[in-house]
């Protein structure tokens, strides 16, 4: 009816585009530092793999990684998973970060303590992640074969990377940090 105007329509007579999605929360400084280090550690000079090959390797490990994690958690709990009722779990490194840690350990010979300090983690969390990736790939996998250099400390890694033109940023501070995307990552 002409006297009711637009308020009479349940649906608007003209199509309107969907509103633009809201931007996600900005990453914390700790998350940004971690992402910068992981990006540099994925460089072909350090991994021995081109980035597309590293991405393909990570993609091929997603299903076995998740299955091995669920099996490990089921065995440690002694029962199936229940819905979490307590506070959210702290952030853990995703599969790609654990894969890069395993490559650093096997290809470059870095000890877990050096890798952990580089990533701003505790060595007790990096060691099991490296072992899990190693068990999935096997020590004979080409990504885990020893490389041209044996590196023991983060300073040696920085020197080795600088010789190939790579600058490794400073490590994030160690400690338990949460991430807004913690529920979208696969814990180590």
Protein backbone atom coordinates (compact mmCIF):
# COMPACT_ATOMS: atom_id res chain seq x y z
CA UNK A 1 0.00 0.00 0.00
CA UNK A 2 1.23 3.45 -0.79
CA UNK A 3 0.46 4.93 2.63
CA UNK A 4 2.49 2.29 4.56
CA UNK A 5 5.81 2.87 2.81
CA UNK A 6 8.83 0.56 3.22
CA UNK A 7 8.01 -0.58 6.75
CA UNK A 8 5.33 -2.92 5.39
CA UNK A 9 7.85 -5.23 3.68
CA UNK A 10 9.11 -8.31 5.48
CA UNK A 11 11.82 -8.64 2.85
CA UNK A 12 13.38 -5.59 1.34
CA UNK A 13 12.22 -4.94 -2.23
CA UNK A 14 15.81 -4.41 -3.45
CA UNK A 15 18.78 -6.73 -3.03
CA UNK A 16 21.53 -5.43 -0.75
CA UNK A 17 25.06 -6.88 -0.77
CA UNK A 18 26.23 -8.65 2.35
CA UNK A 19 28.15 -6.47 4.79
CA UNK A 20 31.92 -6.72 4.67
CA UNK A 21 33.31 -9.22 7.19
CA UNK A 22 34.74 -7.74 10.33
CA UNK A 23 38.50 -7.91 10.61
CA UNK A 24 39.78 -10.51 13.02
CA UNK A 25 41.65 -9.57 16.15
CA UNK A 26 45.18 -8.36 15.60
CA UNK A 27 47.82 -10.97 16.44
CA UNK A 28 49.68 -10.49 19.68
CA UNK A 29 53.35 -9.45 19.50
CA UNK A 30 54.28 -12.98 20.61
CA UNK A 31 52.25 -14.53 17.77
CA UNK A 32 53.70 -12.10 15.23
CA UNK A 33 57.27 -12.89 16.34
CA UNK A 34 56.55 -16.64 16.17
CA UNK A 35 55.06 -16.31 12.66
CA UNK A 36 58.10 -14.33 11.45
CA UNK A 37 60.50 -16.97 12.75
CA UNK A 38 58.48 -19.82 11.27
CA UNK A 39 58.41 -18.07 7.90
CA UNK A 40 62.18 -17.71 7.92
CA UNK A 41 62.74 -21.30 9.11
CA UNK A 42 60.69 -22.50 6.13
CA UNK A 43 63.17 -21.01 3.65
CA UNK A 44 64.66 -23.55 1.21
CA UNK A 45 68.23 -22.76 2.29
CA UNK A 46 67.46 -24.08 5.77
CA UNK A 47 64.98 -26.88 5.03
CA UNK A 48 66.48 -28.19 1.83
CA UNK A 49 62.95 -28.18 0.36
CA UNK A 50 61.25 -25.62 -1.88
CA UNK A 51 58.31 -23.96 -0.12
CA UNK A 52 55.70 -25.74 -2.29
CA UNK A 53 57.28 -29.10 -1.42
CA UNK A 54 57.26 -28.19 2.28
CA UNK A 55 53.60 -27.17 2.00
CA UNK A 56 52.79 -30.45 0.24
CA UNK A 57 54.63 -32.43 2.93
CA UNK A 58 52.70 -30.63 5.67
CA UNK A 59 49.41 -31.24 3.85
CA UNK A 60 50.20 -34.95 3.45
CA UNK A 61 50.84 -35.23 7.20
CA UNK A 62 47.60 -33.58 8.37
CA UNK A 63 45.48 -36.72 8.52
CA UNK A 64 48.11 -39.07 10.01
CA UNK A 65 49.11 -36.32 12.48
CA UNK A 66 45.53 -35.85 13.67
CA UNK A 67 44.97 -39.62 13.90
CA UNK A 68 48.18 -40.17 15.88
CA UNK A 69 47.27 -37.31 18.21
CA UNK A 70 43.78 -38.68 18.85
CA UNK A 71 45.19 -42.16 19.49
CA UNK A 72 47.80 -40.80 21.90
CA UNK A 73 45.20 -38.74 23.77
CA UNK A 74 42.75 -41.65 23.89
CA UNK A 75 45.41 -43.94 25.34
CA UNK A 76 46.52 -41.39 27.92
CA UNK A 77 42.92 -40.65 28.98
CA UNK A 78 41.79 -44.26 28.87
CA UNK A 79 38.46 -43.20 27.41
CA UNK A 80 36.94 -41.29 24.48
CA UNK A 81 37.11 -37.52 24.32
CA UNK A 82 34.66 -35.43 26.31
CA UNK A 83 33.61 -31.86 25.76
CA UNK A 84 35.90 -29.39 27.48
CA UNK A 85 34.20 -27.66 30.38
CA UNK A 86 37.13 -25.81 31.89
CA UNK A 87 39.20 -22.91 30.64
CA UNK A 88 40.60 -22.91 27.12
CA UNK A 89 43.86 -24.70 26.54
CA UNK A 90 47.01 -22.63 25.98
CA UNK A 91 48.27 -22.16 22.45
CA UNK A 92 50.32 -24.97 21.00
CA UNK A 93 52.33 -25.02 17.81
CA UNK A 94 50.57 -26.28 14.73
CA UNK A 95 51.69 -29.11 12.46
CA UNK A 96 53.82 -26.87 10.24
CA UNK A 97 55.75 -25.50 13.23
CA UNK A 98 56.36 -29.02 14.55
CA UNK A 99 57.49 -30.14 11.08
CA UNK A 100 59.96 -27.25 10.89
CA UNK A 101 61.26 -28.10 14.36
CA UNK A 102 61.83 -31.72 13.27
CA UNK A 103 63.64 -30.58 10.13
CA UNK A 104 65.87 -28.28 12.19
CA UNK A 105 66.60 -31.15 14.57
CA UNK A 106 67.46 -33.76 11.95
CA UNK A 107 68.73 -31.73 8.99
CA UNK A 108 70.69 -29.12 10.93
CA UNK A 109 71.44 -31.19 14.05
CA UNK A 110 70.03 -28.57 16.40
CA UNK A 111 69.26 -29.74 19.94
CA UNK A 112 65.69 -29.37 21.19
CA UNK A 113 66.74 -26.70 23.69
CA UNK A 114 68.09 -24.49 20.89
CA UNK A 115 64.98 -24.98 18.76
CA UNK A 116 62.77 -24.22 21.76
CA UNK A 117 64.64 -21.02 22.59
CA UNK A 118 64.41 -19.95 18.97
CA UNK A 119 60.64 -20.50 18.94
CA UNK A 120 60.02 -19.11 22.43
CA UNK A 121 58.88 -22.48 23.73
CA UNK A 122 60.01 -24.87 26.42
CA UNK A 123 62.23 -27.75 25.33
CA UNK A 124 59.88 -30.26 26.94
CA UNK A 125 57.15 -29.32 24.44
CA UNK A 126 59.37 -29.30 21.38
CA UNK A 127 60.99 -32.69 22.04
CA UNK A 128 57.76 -34.73 21.89
CA UNK A 129 56.61 -32.81 18.81
CA UNK A 130 59.86 -33.65 17.02
CA UNK A 131 59.50 -37.29 18.04
CA UNK A 132 55.91 -37.40 16.74
CA UNK A 133 56.90 -35.97 13.33
CA UNK A 134 59.89 -38.30 13.15
CA UNK A 135 57.69 -41.32 13.83
CA UNK A 136 55.28 -40.25 11.09
CA UNK A 137 57.96 -39.60 8.48
CA UNK A 138 60.65 -42.06 9.52
CA UNK A 139 64.29 -41.08 9.84
CA UNK A 140 65.00 -42.07 6.22
CA UNK A 141 62.65 -39.42 4.81
CA UNK A 142 64.51 -36.96 2.55
CA UNK A 143 63.30 -33.97 4.59
CA UNK A 144 65.01 -35.39 7.69
CA UNK A 145 68.33 -36.39 6.17
CA UNK A 146 71.35 -34.55 7.60
CA UNK A 147 72.21 -31.35 5.80
CA UNK A 148 75.47 -29.60 5.00
CA UNK A 149 75.97 -28.05 8.44
CA UNK A 150 75.64 -29.07 12.09
CA UNK A 151 74.27 -26.21 14.16
CA UNK A 152 74.18 -26.27 17.95
CA UNK A 153 72.98 -22.83 19.03
CA UNK A 154 70.61 -20.13 17.77
CA UNK A 155 73.65 -17.88 17.25
CA UNK A 156 75.20 -20.48 14.94
CA UNK A 157 71.90 -20.71 13.06
CA UNK A 158 71.84 -16.93 12.64
CA UNK A 159 75.41 -17.00 11.28
CA UNK A 160 74.60 -19.88 8.92
CA UNK A 161 71.43 -18.16 7.72
CA UNK A 162 73.24 -14.82 7.26
CA UNK A 163 75.75 -16.55 4.97
CA UNK A 164 72.83 -17.53 2.71
CA UNK A 165 71.22 -14.08 2.88
CA UNK A 166 68.57 -14.89 5.47
CA UNK A 167 67.95 -12.74 8.55
CA UNK A 168 66.41 -14.58 11.49
CA UNK A 169 64.32 -12.29 13.70
CA UNK A 170 64.59 -12.34 17.45
CA UNK A 171 62.76 -15.07 19.31
CA UNK A 172 59.46 -14.43 21.05
CA UNK A 173 59.72 -14.37 24.84
CA UNK A 174 59.32 -17.79 26.42
CA UNK A 175 56.23 -18.62 28.39
CA UNK A 176 52.63 -19.63 28.04
CA UNK A 177 50.86 -17.33 25.64
CA UNK A 178 47.37 -17.74 24.35
CA UNK A 179 46.27 -17.00 20.85
CA UNK A 180 42.87 -15.88 19.58
CA UNK A 181 43.01 -18.76 17.08
CA UNK A 182 44.02 -21.41 19.63
CA UNK A 183 41.07 -23.64 18.82
CA UNK A 184 41.92 -23.71 15.11
CA UNK A 185 45.41 -25.11 15.49
CA UNK A 186 46.51 -28.65 16.01
CA UNK A 187 48.43 -28.93 19.29
CA UNK A 188 51.81 -30.56 19.37
